[in-house]
Amino acid sequence: MLAELMIANAAFKVIKTTISNGKDIASAGAAISKYFGAEKAIKKQVKAGTGNIMEAFQAQEQLKKNEETLKYMLNKQRLQGYVDFCKFRDDYNRGMKIKATKQKNANARQSKANEATIAIALTVGIFLLIAVTVGFFWVAKVKGLI
C-alpha cells in the first residue's frame, strides 16, 4: 500500500505543479492516470482490509488531503473547476470500466473460439482414427490376413 501511496503522491505533485503554473488539469494527463490508478488501488486494498492498518489509515488520510488541496486549487483557478474535475474523473472511471468490460468480453469470445477449435480438431482426429482403423481391417480382410 505504501508503494501505491508513493505513486499517488508523486503523481499529485506533478498535477499540483501543473495547476500552479496556470495550466489546465488535463495538461497533466499521464500524472492524472497514475494518480487515479493508485487511488483506486489504495481504496480497493482499504476496502478489502489487506495490509497494515496504519498504512491504510495513512494512505486514506493522504488521499483526503490531496483531494482537499486539489479542490482548493481548482476552484481558485476557475469557477466550478473542482466540479468539472469531478465530472472528468467520473467519465474517466466510467471509460475504464467500459474498457475493462470490453476486454473481458473479448477474452471470453477468444476462449470460446479456442475451445471450439480444440473440439473440432479432436472430432476430426477421432474420425480419422476410426477411418484408418476401418481401412486397416478392410485391407486385412481383403488380403486374407484376418
Protein backbone atom coordinates (compact mmCIF):
# COMPACT_ATOMS: atom_id res chain seq x y z
CA MET A 1 0.00 0.00 0.00
CA LEU A 2 2.92 2.32 0.62
CA ALA A 3 4.08 1.81 -2.97
CA GLU A 4 0.69 2.93 -4.28
CA LEU A 5 0.75 5.92 -1.91
CA MET A 6 4.19 6.91 -3.20
CA ILE A 7 2.90 6.71 -6.79
CA ALA A 8 -0.17 8.76 -5.87
CA ASN A 9 1.93 11.40 -4.10
CA ALA A 10 4.41 11.68 -6.97
CA ALA A 11 1.58 12.00 -9.49
CA PHE A 12 -0.20 14.52 -7.29
CA LYS A 13 2.96 16.61 -7.10
CA VAL A 14 3.00 16.80 -10.92
CA ILE A 15 -0.70 17.70 -11.01
CA LYS A 16 -0.19 20.37 -8.35
CA THR A 17 2.78 21.85 -10.22
CA THR A 18 0.83 21.87 -13.48
CA ILE A 19 -2.08 23.75 -11.88
CA SER A 20 0.27 26.11 -10.02
CA ASN A 21 1.84 27.03 -13.35
CA GLY A 22 -1.57 28.13 -14.60
CA LYS A 23 -2.16 25.19 -16.92
CA ASP A 24 -5.37 23.20 -17.13
CA ILE A 25 -5.51 19.97 -15.15
CA ALA A 26 -5.91 17.99 -18.38
CA SER A 27 -2.33 19.04 -19.24
CA ALA A 28 -1.13 16.58 -16.61
CA GLY A 29 -2.78 13.62 -18.35
CA ALA A 30 -0.22 10.93 -17.55
CA ALA A 31 0.03 12.02 -13.92
CA ILE A 32 -3.76 12.01 -13.61
CA SER A 33 -3.89 8.43 -14.92
CA LYS A 34 -1.23 7.35 -12.43
CA TYR A 35 -2.96 9.18 -9.59
CA PHE A 36 -6.37 7.66 -10.37
CA GLY A 37 -4.85 4.19 -10.68
CA ALA A 38 -3.01 4.47 -7.38
CA GLU A 39 -6.06 5.97 -5.66
CA LYS A 40 -8.22 3.12 -6.92
CA ALA A 41 -5.68 0.50 -5.78
CA ILE A 42 -5.46 2.06 -2.31
CA LYS A 43 -9.23 2.24 -1.93
CA LYS A 44 -9.53 -1.38 -3.07
CA GLN A 45 -6.95 -2.51 -0.51
CA VAL A 46 -8.56 -0.47 2.27
CA LYS A 47 -11.98 -1.90 1.42
CA ALA A 48 -10.59 -5.45 1.35
CA GLY A 49 -8.81 -4.92 4.66
CA THR A 50 -5.49 -6.16 3.34
CA GLY A 51 -2.14 -4.92 4.58
CA ASN A 52 -1.14 -2.90 7.61
CA ILE A 53 -3.94 -0.91 9.27
CA MET A 54 -1.67 2.07 9.94
CA GLU A 55 -0.57 2.16 6.30
CA ALA A 56 -4.20 2.02 5.21
CA PHE A 57 -5.11 4.89 7.52
CA GLN A 58 -2.11 6.93 6.39
CA ALA A 59 -2.92 6.34 2.72
CA GLN A 60 -6.58 7.22 3.18
CA GLU A 61 -5.73 10.41 5.06
CA GLN A 62 -3.18 11.43 2.43
CA LEU A 63 -5.75 10.91 -0.34
CA LYS A 64 -8.24 13.10 1.56
CA LYS A 65 -5.59 15.79 2.00
CA ASN A 66 -4.72 15.63 -1.70
CA GLU A 67 -8.40 15.89 -2.62
CA GLU A 68 -8.87 18.98 -0.44
CA THR A 69 -5.75 20.62 -1.88
CA LEU A 70 -6.90 19.83 -5.39
CA LYS A 71 -10.37 21.18 -4.66
CA TYR A 72 -8.91 24.44 -3.37
CA MET A 73 -6.52 24.84 -6.30
CA LEU A 74 -9.08 24.05 -8.99
CA ASN A 75 -11.71 26.35 -7.53
CA LYS A 76 -9.10 29.09 -7.18
CA GLN A 77 -8.06 28.62 -10.82
CA ARG A 78 -11.60 28.97 -12.18
CA LEU A 79 -15.21 28.87 -11.10
CA GLN A 80 -16.58 25.33 -10.82
CA GLY A 81 -13.11 23.94 -11.53
CA TYR A 82 -13.44 21.19 -8.95
CA VAL A 83 -16.93 20.25 -10.12
CA ASP A 84 -15.64 19.97 -13.68
CA PHE A 85 -12.75 17.85 -12.42
CA CYS A 86 -15.14 15.52 -10.61
CA LYS A 87 -17.14 15.11 -13.82
CA PHE A 88 -13.90 14.40 -15.67
CA ARG A 89 -12.88 11.82 -13.05
CA ASP A 90 -16.28 10.12 -13.21
CA ASP A 91 -16.11 9.99 -17.01
CA TYR A 92 -12.58 8.59 -16.80
CA ASN A 93 -13.62 5.88 -14.33
CA ARG A 94 -16.68 5.05 -16.44
CA GLY A 95 -14.47 4.77 -19.51
CA MET A 96 -12.07 2.47 -17.69
CA LYS A 97 -14.95 0.23 -16.60
CA ILE A 98 -16.27 0.08 -20.16
CA LYS A 99 -12.78 -0.72 -21.44
CA ALA A 100 -12.37 -3.49 -18.84
CA THR A 101 -15.78 -4.95 -19.73
CA LYS A 102 -14.95 -4.93 -23.44
CA GLN A 103 -11.62 -6.63 -22.75
CA LYS A 104 -13.31 -9.24 -20.58
CA ASN A 105 -15.88 -9.94 -23.30
CA ALA A 106 -13.16 -10.17 -25.95
CA ASN A 107 -11.23 -12.62 -23.78
CA ALA A 108 -14.37 -14.72 -23.27
CA ARG A 109 -15.03 -14.80 -27.04
CA GLN A 110 -11.42 -15.79 -27.70
CA SER A 111 -11.63 -18.52 -25.09
CA LYS A 112 -14.81 -19.91 -26.65
CA ALA A 113 -13.21 -19.80 -30.09
CA ASN A 114 -10.19 -21.69 -28.77
CA GLU A 115 -12.45 -24.31 -27.16
CA ALA A 116 -14.39 -24.71 -30.42
CA THR A 117 -11.16 -25.13 -32.39
CA ILE A 118 -9.96 -27.82 -29.98
CA ALA A 119 -13.32 -29.61 -30.15
CA ILE A 120 -13.26 -29.60 -33.96
CA ALA A 121 -9.67 -30.83 -34.04
CA LEU A 122 -10.48 -33.67 -31.64
CA THR A 123 -13.57 -34.64 -33.63
CA VAL A 124 -11.62 -34.71 -36.90
CA GLY A 125 -8.85 -36.68 -35.21
CA ILE A 126 -11.29 -39.28 -33.86
CA PHE A 127 -12.94 -39.65 -37.27
CA LEU A 128 -9.53 -40.06 -38.93
CA LEU A 129 -8.54 -42.69 -36.36
CA ILE A 130 -11.79 -44.58 -36.96
CA ALA A 131 -11.32 -44.32 -40.75
CA VAL A 132 -7.74 -45.62 -40.55
CA THR A 133 -8.79 -48.47 -38.25
CA VAL A 134 -11.71 -49.48 -40.50
CA GLY A 135 -9.47 -49.19 -43.57
CA PHE A 136 -6.79 -51.33 -41.95
CA PHE A 137 -9.28 -54.09 -41.09
CA TRP A 138 -10.86 -53.88 -44.55
CA VAL A 139 -7.46 -54.23 -46.29
CA ALA A 140 -6.51 -57.06 -43.93
CA LYS A 141 -9.77 -58.88 -44.66
CA VAL A 142 -9.42 -58.41 -48.44
CA LYS A 143 -5.85 -59.77 -48.37
CA GLY A 144 -7.00 -62.62 -46.15
CA LEU A 145 -4.91 -61.70 -43.14
CA ILE A 146 -7.89 -61.96 -40.78
